[in-house]
Amino acid sequence: MVFRKFMQIVAFLFLVVLFSYLIFKGASNTGYNWQWFRVKRLFFEINEGKFIFGPLLKGLFVTFQISFFSFILTNIFGFIFGIFRTLNSFSARLIGYLYVEIFRNTPLLIQILFFYFVIAPVFNISAFWSAVIAISMFEGAYACEIIRAGIENVDKGQWEASFSLGLNTFKTFIYIILPQAVKTIIYPLINIFVSLIKDSALVSVIAIYDLTMQAQKAISETFMTFEIWIIVAFTYLIINIIITLIIKIFHKKTLRGEK
């Protein structure tokens, strides 16, 4: 186990070094002028003892906002349509099926543009919430399948035992089936947050100043193409690694608690 983890770290570091070498080699062949000393002010400045947020830090805050609200709505959509897909009602199962197939099999970029330019004007929805809802419905399709699988994974004998005790279908689902399903789906559902962080980069197409959009603006003003995109890429990477590690620790503690 220790050796495998060591080899994974070595492989990761090798890829980072190789990636860095290719970038610097390509930039040097084009005569690019590196200006790393200007990067810090894009994140923050300290002027007369005051901490001033730079554009990239402001964009990162917007990225977290979008991801947070999208995560909440993703789970709401996932639970609603996931439950629909497990009901005996034909119409409910059809609605759940169509939702999953439509949103899972069309590009997220197209969904964001469609929602912003077609749906949002009708209901007077802002660009921020257009992005949040579009991303949530896209990721909700995947959450829906996770929840459906978790519910269907509960032994059918649990239903029969509950009915024999006099519980109706609703109470059986709420008090018996759903708590057991949550234990198996909580980890993959939380893991969706990592995807949301990455997917949020697409909201720049509708002029939301998230991290990616702020990076594009900064590049147009400073012409620091390589520096800014490298920093942005590593920012996303570090954030997702930290979130993944937190999720794994949480999952391990949950498993220990069950034992």
C-alpha atoms as a PDB file:
ATOM      1  CA  MET A   1       0.000   0.000   0.000  1.00  0.00           C
ATOM      2  CA  VAL A   2       2.787   2.425   0.960  1.00  0.00           C
ATOM      3  CA  PHE A   3       4.790   1.531  -2.146  1.00  0.00           C
ATOM      4  CA  ARG A   4       1.768   2.090  -4.391  1.00  0.00           C
ATOM      5  CA  LYS A   5       1.132   5.532  -2.899  1.00  0.00           C
ATOM      6  CA  PHE A   6       4.815   6.379  -3.287  1.00  0.00           C
ATOM      7  CA  MET A   7       4.714   5.398  -6.959  1.00  0.00           C
ATOM      8  CA  GLN A   8       1.581   7.492  -7.493  1.00  0.00           C
ATOM      9  CA  ILE A   9       3.344  10.532  -6.012  1.00  0.00           C
ATOM     10  CA  VAL A  10       6.407   9.879  -8.181  1.00  0.00           C
ATOM     11  CA  ALA A  11       4.238   9.550 -11.303  1.00  0.00           C
ATOM     12  CA  PHE A  12       2.393  12.765 -10.443  1.00  0.00           C
ATOM     13  CA  LEU A  13       5.625  14.700  -9.910  1.00  0.00           C
ATOM     14  CA  PHE A  14       7.027  13.313 -13.155  1.00  0.00           C
ATOM     15  CA  LEU A  15       3.997  14.520 -15.089  1.00  0.00           C
ATOM     16  CA  VAL A  16       4.257  17.961 -13.459  1.00  0.00           C
ATOM     17  CA  VAL A  17       7.943  18.229 -14.388  1.00  0.00           C
ATOM     18  CA  LEU A  18       7.270  17.011 -17.935  1.00  0.00           C
ATOM     19  CA  PHE A  19       4.353  19.422 -18.341  1.00  0.00           C
ATOM     20  CA  SER A  20       6.446  22.313 -17.020  1.00  0.00           C
ATOM     21  CA  TYR A  21       9.342  21.449 -19.315  1.00  0.00           C
ATOM     22  CA  LEU A  22       7.115  21.391 -22.406  1.00  0.00           C
ATOM     23  CA  ILE A  23       5.579  24.758 -21.514  1.00  0.00           C
ATOM     24  CA  PHE A  24       8.889  26.484 -20.850  1.00  0.00           C
ATOM     25  CA  LYS A  25      10.481  24.890 -23.903  1.00  0.00           C
ATOM     26  CA  GLY A  26       7.641  26.017 -26.139  1.00  0.00           C
ATOM     27  CA  ALA A  27       7.707  29.531 -24.687  1.00  0.00           C
ATOM     28  CA  SER A  28      11.479  29.879 -25.061  1.00  0.00           C
ATOM     29  CA  ASN A  29      11.311  28.772 -28.706  1.00  0.00           C
ATOM     30  CA  THR A  30       8.901  31.640 -29.414  1.00  0.00           C
ATOM     31  CA  GLY A  31      11.019  34.173 -27.536  1.00  0.00           C
ATOM     32  CA  TYR A  32       8.402  34.700 -24.859  1.00  0.00           C
ATOM     33  CA  ASN A  33       9.293  37.211 -22.127  1.00  0.00           C
ATOM     34  CA  TRP A  34       8.409  35.753 -18.716  1.00  0.00           C
ATOM     35  CA  GLN A  35       7.090  38.215 -16.122  1.00  0.00           C
ATOM     36  CA  TRP A  36       6.430  36.162 -13.011  1.00  0.00           C
ATOM     37  CA  PHE A  37       7.106  39.169 -10.772  1.00  0.00           C
ATOM     38  CA  ARG A  38       3.797  40.688 -11.926  1.00  0.00           C
ATOM     39  CA  VAL A  39       1.682  37.664 -11.008  1.00  0.00           C
ATOM     40  CA  LYS A  40       1.265  38.407  -7.296  1.00  0.00           C
ATOM     41  CA  ARG A  41      -0.665  41.645  -7.833  1.00  0.00           C
ATOM     42  CA  LEU A  42      -3.228  39.699  -9.861  1.00  0.00           C
ATOM     43  CA  PHE A  43      -4.093  37.862  -6.646  1.00  0.00           C
ATOM     44  CA  PHE A  44      -3.649  40.587  -4.048  1.00  0.00           C
ATOM     45  CA  GLU A  45      -1.858  43.793  -3.148  1.00  0.00           C
ATOM     46  CA  ILE A  46      -1.038  45.437   0.156  1.00  0.00           C
ATOM     47  CA  ASN A  47      -1.360  49.189  -0.161  1.00  0.00           C
ATOM     48  CA  GLU A  48      -0.754  51.337   2.931  1.00  0.00           C
ATOM     49  CA  GLY A  49      -1.386  48.335   5.154  1.00  0.00           C
ATOM     50  CA  LYS A  50      -4.665  47.483   3.436  1.00  0.00           C
ATOM     51  CA  PHE A  51      -5.255  44.107   1.802  1.00  0.00           C
ATOM     52  CA  ILE A  52      -6.635  44.608  -1.702  1.00  0.00           C
ATOM     53  CA  PHE A  53      -8.149  41.677  -3.594  1.00  0.00           C
ATOM     54  CA  GLY A  54      -6.746  41.170  -7.077  1.00  0.00           C
ATOM     55  CA  PRO A  55      -8.870  40.100 -10.073  1.00  0.00           C
ATOM     56  CA  LEU A  56      -7.922  36.410  -9.851  1.00  0.00           C
ATOM     57  CA  LEU A  57      -8.818  36.213  -6.171  1.00  0.00           C
ATOM     58  CA  LYS A  58     -12.138  37.938  -6.863  1.00  0.00           C
ATOM     59  CA  GLY A  59     -12.761  35.478  -9.696  1.00  0.00           C
ATOM     60  CA  LEU A  60     -11.912  32.554  -7.444  1.00  0.00           C
ATOM     61  CA  PHE A  61     -14.499  33.769  -4.932  1.00  0.00           C
ATOM     62  CA  VAL A  62     -17.142  33.861  -7.693  1.00  0.00           C
ATOM     63  CA  THR A  63     -16.115  30.331  -8.744  1.00  0.00           C
ATOM     64  CA  PHE A  64     -16.685  29.102  -5.182  1.00  0.00           C
ATOM     65  CA  GLN A  65     -20.061  30.865  -5.042  1.00  0.00           C
ATOM     66  CA  ILE A  66     -21.231  29.239  -8.271  1.00  0.00           C
ATOM     67  CA  SER A  67     -19.951  25.825  -7.183  1.00  0.00           C
ATOM     68  CA  PHE A  68     -21.556  26.066  -3.733  1.00  0.00           C
ATOM     69  CA  PHE A  69     -25.037  27.043  -4.934  1.00  0.00           C
ATOM     70  CA  SER A  70     -24.802  24.591  -7.842  1.00  0.00           C
ATOM     71  CA  PHE A  71     -23.925  21.797  -5.424  1.00  0.00           C
ATOM     72  CA  ILE A  72     -27.064  22.460  -3.372  1.00  0.00           C
ATOM     73  CA  LEU A  73     -29.330  22.584  -6.435  1.00  0.00           C
ATOM     74  CA  THR A  74     -27.580  19.576  -7.990  1.00  0.00           C
ATOM     75  CA  ASN A  75     -28.531  17.423  -5.024  1.00  0.00           C
ATOM     76  CA  ILE A  76     -32.097  18.779  -5.018  1.00  0.00           C
ATOM     77  CA  PHE A  77     -32.543  17.940  -8.714  1.00  0.00           C
ATOM     78  CA  GLY A  78     -30.792  14.620  -8.189  1.00  0.00           C
ATOM     79  CA  PHE A  79     -33.069  13.555  -5.341  1.00  0.00           C
ATOM     80  CA  ILE A  80     -36.268  14.690  -7.065  1.00  0.00           C
ATOM     81  CA  PHE A  81     -35.615  12.957 -10.363  1.00  0.00           C
ATOM     82  CA  GLY A  82     -33.778  10.043  -8.744  1.00  0.00           C
ATOM     83  CA  ILE A  83     -36.899   9.289  -6.711  1.00  0.00           C
ATOM     84  CA  PHE A  84     -39.038   9.734  -9.831  1.00  0.00           C
ATOM     85  CA  ARG A  85     -37.010   7.005 -11.537  1.00  0.00           C
ATOM     86  CA  THR A  86     -37.741   4.518  -8.765  1.00  0.00           C
ATOM     87  CA  LEU A  87     -41.503   5.092  -8.508  1.00  0.00           C
ATOM     88  CA  ASN A  88     -44.084   2.712  -9.948  1.00  0.00           C
ATOM     89  CA  SER A  89     -45.729   5.589 -11.810  1.00  0.00           C
ATOM     90  CA  PHE A  90     -45.027   5.400 -15.565  1.00  0.00           C
ATOM     91  CA  SER A  91     -45.239   9.181 -16.027  1.00  0.00           C
ATOM     92  CA  ALA A  92     -42.830   9.861 -13.142  1.00  0.00           C
ATOM     93  CA  ARG A  93     -40.305   7.321 -14.450  1.00  0.00           C
ATOM     94  CA  LEU A  94     -40.627   8.789 -17.950  1.00  0.00           C
ATOM     95  CA  ILE A  95     -39.975  12.327 -16.670  1.00  0.00           C
ATOM     96  CA  GLY A  96     -36.913  11.107 -14.780  1.00  0.00           C
ATOM     97  CA  TYR A  97     -35.655   9.178 -17.794  1.00  0.00           C
ATOM     98  CA  LEU A  98     -36.071  12.135 -20.170  1.00  0.00           C
ATOM     99  CA  TYR A  99     -34.342  14.473 -17.739  1.00  0.00           C
ATOM    100  CA  VAL A 100     -31.307  12.226 -17.440  1.00  0.00           C
ATOM    101  CA  GLU A 101     -31.019  11.495 -21.159  1.00  0.00           C
ATOM    102  CA  ILE A 102     -31.440  15.115 -22.276  1.00  0.00           C
ATOM    103  CA  PHE A 103     -29.068  16.753 -19.811  1.00  0.00           C
ATOM    104  CA  ARG A 104     -26.476  14.004 -19.688  1.00  0.00           C
ATOM    105  CA  ASN A 105     -26.182  13.641 -23.463  1.00  0.00           C
ATOM    106  CA  THR A 106     -25.905  17.298 -24.482  1.00  0.00           C
ATOM    107  CA  PRO A 107     -22.832  19.516 -23.929  1.00  0.00           C
ATOM    108  CA  LEU A 108     -22.859  21.674 -20.815  1.00  0.00           C
ATOM    109  CA  LEU A 109     -21.649  24.666 -22.829  1.00  0.00           C
ATOM    110  CA  ILE A 110     -24.726  24.480 -25.067  1.00  0.00           C
ATOM    111  CA  GLN A 111     -26.988  24.146 -22.035  1.00  0.00           C
ATOM    112  CA  ILE A 112     -25.485  27.266 -20.420  1.00  0.00           C
ATOM    113  CA  LEU A 113     -25.909  29.291 -23.614  1.00  0.00           C
ATOM    114  CA  PHE A 114     -29.446  27.989 -24.201  1.00  0.00           C
ATOM    115  CA  PHE A 115     -30.542  28.735 -20.662  1.00  0.00           C
ATOM    116  CA  TYR A 116     -28.957  32.212 -20.668  1.00  0.00           C
ATOM    117  CA  PHE A 117     -30.214  33.368 -24.067  1.00  0.00           C
ATOM    118  CA  VAL A 118     -33.565  31.530 -24.257  1.00  0.00           C
ATOM    119  CA  ILE A 119     -34.888  30.699 -20.785  1.00  0.00           C
ATOM    120  CA  ALA A 120     -33.404  33.430 -18.586  1.00  0.00           C
ATOM    121  CA  PRO A 121     -34.913  36.426 -20.455  1.00  0.00           C
ATOM    122  CA  VAL A 122     -38.415  34.969 -20.112  1.00  0.00           C
ATOM    123  CA  PHE A 123     -38.170  34.728 -16.315  1.00  0.00           C
ATOM    124  CA  ASN A 124     -35.785  37.685 -15.869  1.00  0.00           C
ATOM    125  CA  ILE A 125     -33.020  35.527 -14.383  1.00  0.00           C
ATOM    126  CA  SER A 126     -29.557  37.032 -13.924  1.00  0.00           C
ATOM    127  CA  ALA A 127     -26.463  35.630 -15.634  1.00  0.00           C
ATOM    128  CA  PHE A 128     -25.143  34.297 -12.314  1.00  0.00           C
ATOM    129  CA  TRP A 129     -28.258  32.287 -11.527  1.00  0.00           C
ATOM    130  CA  SER A 130     -28.596  31.197 -15.152  1.00  0.00           C
ATOM    131  CA  ALA A 131     -25.162  29.616 -14.859  1.00  0.00           C
ATOM    132  CA  VAL A 132     -25.950  28.072 -11.473  1.00  0.00           C
ATOM    133  CA  ILE A 133     -29.206  26.498 -12.673  1.00  0.00           C
ATOM    134  CA  ALA A 134     -27.710  25.252 -15.958  1.00  0.00           C
ATOM    135  CA  ILE A 135     -24.735  23.621 -14.218  1.00  0.00           C
ATOM    136  CA  SER A 136     -26.996  22.197 -11.510  1.00  0.00           C
ATOM    137  CA  MET A 137     -29.352  20.572 -14.004  1.00  0.00           C
ATOM    138  CA  PHE A 138     -26.410  19.102 -15.911  1.00  0.00           C
ATOM    139  CA  GLU A 139     -24.721  17.643 -12.826  1.00  0.00           C
ATOM    140  CA  GLY A 140     -28.120  16.777 -11.368  1.00  0.00           C
ATOM    141  CA  ALA A 141     -28.560  14.209 -14.145  1.00  0.00           C
ATOM    142  CA  TYR A 142     -25.495  12.351 -12.861  1.00  0.00           C
ATOM    143  CA  ALA A 143     -26.607  12.782  -9.236  1.00  0.00           C
ATOM    144  CA  CYS A 144     -29.996  11.387 -10.265  1.00  0.00           C
ATOM    145  CA  GLU A 145     -28.428   8.133 -11.455  1.00  0.00           C
ATOM    146  CA  ILE A 146     -26.319   7.864  -8.295  1.00  0.00           C
ATOM    147  CA  ILE A 147     -29.401   8.283  -6.115  1.00  0.00           C
ATOM    148  CA  ARG A 148     -31.494   5.907  -8.233  1.00  0.00           C
ATOM    149  CA  ALA A 149     -28.796   3.240  -7.976  1.00  0.00           C
ATOM    150  CA  GLY A 150     -28.511   3.759  -4.220  1.00  0.00           C
ATOM    151  CA  ILE A 151     -32.252   3.376  -3.693  1.00  0.00           C
ATOM    152  CA  GLU A 152     -32.530   0.323  -5.915  1.00  0.00           C
ATOM    153  CA  ASN A 153     -29.508  -1.205  -4.191  1.00  0.00           C
ATOM    154  CA  VAL A 154     -31.436  -1.491  -0.914  1.00  0.00           C
ATOM    155  CA  ASP A 155     -32.634  -5.048  -0.465  1.00  0.00           C
ATOM    156  CA  LYS A 156     -36.273  -5.544  -1.485  1.00  0.00           C
ATOM    157  CA  GLY A 157     -36.779  -7.486   1.714  1.00  0.00           C
ATOM    158  CA  GLN A 158     -36.639  -4.137   3.539  1.00  0.00           C
ATOM    159  CA  TRP A 159     -39.816  -3.073   1.755  1.00  0.00           C
ATOM    160  CA  GLU A 160     -41.562  -6.333   2.603  1.00  0.00           C
ATOM    161  CA  ALA A 161     -40.487  -6.164   6.239  1.00  0.00           C
ATOM    162  CA  SER A 162     -41.715  -2.583   6.534  1.00  0.00           C
ATOM    163  CA  PHE A 163     -45.086  -3.413   4.984  1.00  0.00           C
ATOM    164  CA  SER A 164     -45.462  -6.357   7.352  1.00  0.00           C
ATOM    165  CA  LEU A 165     -44.995  -3.918  10.265  1.00  0.00           C
ATOM    166  CA  GLY A 166     -47.861  -1.792   8.961  1.00  0.00           C
ATOM    167  CA  LEU A 167     -45.862   1.059   7.413  1.00  0.00           C
ATOM    168  CA  ASN A 168     -47.203   2.557   4.205  1.00  0.00           C
ATOM    169  CA  THR A 169     -45.100   3.222   1.101  1.00  0.00           C
ATOM    170  CA  PHE A 170     -44.234   6.823   2.013  1.00  0.00           C
ATOM    171  CA  LYS A 171     -43.121   6.038   5.578  1.00  0.00           C
ATOM    172  CA  THR A 172     -41.193   2.996   4.388  1.00  0.00           C
ATOM    173  CA  PHE A 173     -39.297   5.098   1.888  1.00  0.00           C
ATOM    174  CA  ILE A 174     -38.575   7.993   4.291  1.00  0.00           C
ATOM    175  CA  TYR A 175     -37.693   6.027   7.440  1.00  0.00           C
ATOM    176  CA  ILE A 176     -36.318   2.743   6.098  1.00  0.00           C
ATOM    177  CA  ILE A 177     -35.156   2.876   2.479  1.00  0.00           C
ATOM    178  CA  LEU A 178     -33.756   6.401   2.121  1.00  0.00           C
ATOM    179  CA  PRO A 179     -31.502   6.311   5.249  1.00  0.00           C
ATOM    180  CA  GLN A 180     -29.920   3.088   4.004  1.00  0.00           C
ATOM    181  CA  ALA A 181     -29.491   4.469   0.494  1.00  0.00           C
ATOM    182  CA  VAL A 182     -27.858   7.673   1.761  1.00  0.00           C
ATOM    183  CA  LYS A 183     -25.027   5.666   3.313  1.00  0.00           C
ATOM    184  CA  THR A 184     -23.981   4.398  -0.123  1.00  0.00           C
ATOM    185  CA  ILE A 185     -24.574   7.563  -2.136  1.00  0.00           C
ATOM    186  CA  ILE A 186     -23.216  10.268   0.185  1.00  0.00           C
ATOM    187  CA  TYR A 187     -19.595   9.831  -0.929  1.00  0.00           C
ATOM    188  CA  PRO A 188     -20.179   9.968  -4.725  1.00  0.00           C
ATOM    189  CA  LEU A 189     -22.615  12.878  -4.250  1.00  0.00           C
ATOM    190  CA  ILE A 190     -20.072  14.935  -2.321  1.00  0.00           C
ATOM    191  CA  ASN A 191     -17.489  14.041  -4.949  1.00  0.00           C
ATOM    192  CA  ILE A 192     -19.614  15.892  -7.527  1.00  0.00           C
ATOM    193  CA  PHE A 193     -18.343  19.138  -5.972  1.00  0.00           C
ATOM    194  CA  VAL A 194     -14.994  18.524  -7.686  1.00  0.00           C
ATOM    195  CA  SER A 195     -16.734  18.363 -11.060  1.00  0.00           C
ATOM    196  CA  LEU A 196     -18.639  21.547 -10.263  1.00  0.00           C
ATOM    197  CA  ILE A 197     -15.400  23.443  -9.635  1.00  0.00           C
ATOM    198  CA  LYS A 198     -14.145  22.429 -13.074  1.00  0.00           C
ATOM    199  CA  ASP A 199     -17.452  22.905 -14.859  1.00  0.00           C
ATOM    200  CA  SER A 200     -17.796  26.419 -13.462  1.00  0.00           C
ATOM    201  CA  ALA A 201     -15.007  27.551 -15.815  1.00  0.00           C
ATOM    202  CA  LEU A 202     -17.524  27.410 -18.680  1.00  0.00           C
ATOM    203  CA  VAL A 203     -19.627  30.239 -17.252  1.00  0.00           C
ATOM    204  CA  SER A 204     -17.094  32.702 -18.662  1.00  0.00           C
ATOM    205  CA  VAL A 205     -18.907  32.370 -22.019  1.00  0.00           C
ATOM    206  CA  ILE A 206     -21.812  34.402 -20.619  1.00  0.00           C
ATOM    207  CA  ALA A 207     -19.533  37.097 -19.158  1.00  0.00           C
ATOM    208  CA  ILE A 208     -19.532  35.974 -15.540  1.00  0.00           C
ATOM    209  CA  TYR A 209     -16.270  37.072 -13.986  1.00  0.00           C
ATOM    210  CA  ASP A 210     -15.208  33.819 -12.419  1.00  0.00           C
ATOM    211  CA  LEU A 211     -11.563  32.733 -12.215  1.00  0.00           C
ATOM    212  CA  THR A 212     -11.361  31.822 -15.909  1.00  0.00           C
ATOM    213  CA  MET A 213     -12.998  35.041 -17.107  1.00  0.00           C
ATOM    214  CA  GLN A 214     -10.797  37.164 -14.865  1.00  0.00           C
ATOM    215  CA  ALA A 215      -7.792  35.325 -16.272  1.00  0.00           C
ATOM    216  CA  GLN A 216      -8.862  36.111 -19.839  1.00  0.00           C
ATOM    217  CA  LYS A 217      -9.324  39.763 -18.940  1.00  0.00           C
ATOM    218  CA  ALA A 218      -5.934  39.920 -17.213  1.00  0.00           C
ATOM    219  CA  ILE A 219      -4.230  38.355 -20.237  1.00  0.00           C
ATOM    220  CA  SER A 220      -5.782  40.936 -22.569  1.00  0.00           C
ATOM    221  CA  GLU A 221      -4.451  43.710 -20.314  1.00  0.00           C
ATOM    222  CA  THR A 222      -0.990  42.355 -19.446  1.00  0.00           C
ATOM    223  CA  PHE A 223      -0.199  39.904 -22.307  1.00  0.00           C
ATOM    224  CA  MET A 224       1.081  37.461 -19.656  1.00  0.00           C
ATOM    225  CA  THR A 225      -0.482  34.461 -21.396  1.00  0.00           C
ATOM    226  CA  PHE A 226       1.695  31.642 -20.119  1.00  0.00           C
ATOM    227  CA  GLU A 227       2.067  32.894 -16.544  1.00  0.00           C
ATOM    228  CA  ILE A 228      -1.638  33.477 -15.984  1.00  0.00           C
ATOM    229  CA  TRP A 229      -2.887  30.241 -17.537  1.00  0.00           C
ATOM    230  CA  ILE A 230      -0.271  28.218 -15.643  1.00  0.00           C
ATOM    231  CA  ILE A 231      -1.284  29.863 -12.365  1.00  0.00           C
ATOM    232  CA  VAL A 232      -5.007  29.365 -13.090  1.00  0.00           C
ATOM    233  CA  ALA A 233      -4.499  25.710 -14.043  1.00  0.00           C
ATOM    234  CA  PHE A 234      -2.537  24.997 -10.857  1.00  0.00           C
ATOM    235  CA  THR A 235      -5.123  26.889  -8.796  1.00  0.00           C
ATOM    236  CA  TYR A 236      -7.876  24.588 -10.072  1.00  0.00           C
ATOM    237  CA  LEU A 237      -5.598  21.581  -9.554  1.00  0.00           C
ATOM    238  CA  ILE A 238      -4.674  22.451  -5.972  1.00  0.00           C
ATOM    239  CA  ILE A 239      -8.277  23.247  -5.006  1.00  0.00           C
ATOM    240  CA  ASN A 240      -9.577  19.962  -6.419  1.00  0.00           C
ATOM    241  CA  ILE A 241      -6.778  17.953  -4.788  1.00  0.00           C
ATOM    242  CA  ILE A 242      -7.567  19.523  -1.400  1.00  0.00           C
ATOM    243  CA  ILE A 243     -11.301  18.885  -1.829  1.00  0.00           C
ATOM    244  CA  THR A 244     -10.645  15.282  -2.907  1.00  0.00           C
ATOM    245  CA  LEU A 245      -8.427  14.656   0.138  1.00  0.00           C
ATOM    246  CA  ILE A 246     -11.057  16.136   2.480  1.00  0.00           C
ATOM    247  CA  ILE A 247     -13.732  13.926   0.904  1.00  0.00           C
ATOM    248  CA  LYS A 248     -11.554  10.815   1.287  1.00  0.00           C
ATOM    249  CA  ILE A 249     -10.844  11.612   4.945  1.00  0.00           C
ATOM    250  CA  PHE A 250     -14.553  12.199   5.556  1.00  0.00           C
ATOM    251  CA  HIS A 251     -15.409   8.921   3.814  1.00  0.00           C
ATOM    252  CA  LYS A 252     -12.875   6.932   5.851  1.00  0.00           C
ATOM    253  CA  LYS A 253     -14.133   8.402   9.119  1.00  0.00           C
ATOM    254  CA  THR A 254     -17.695   7.590   8.104  1.00  0.00           C
ATOM    255  CA  LEU A 255     -16.753   3.967   7.408  1.00  0.00           C
ATOM    256  CA  ARG A 256     -14.965   3.704  10.751  1.00  0.00           C
ATOM    257  CA  GLY A 257     -18.006   5.143  12.508  1.00  0.00           C
ATOM    258  CA  GLU A 258     -20.215   2.471  10.952  1.00  0.00           C
ATOM    259  CA  LYS A 259     -17.925  -0.259  12.223  1.00  0.00           C
END
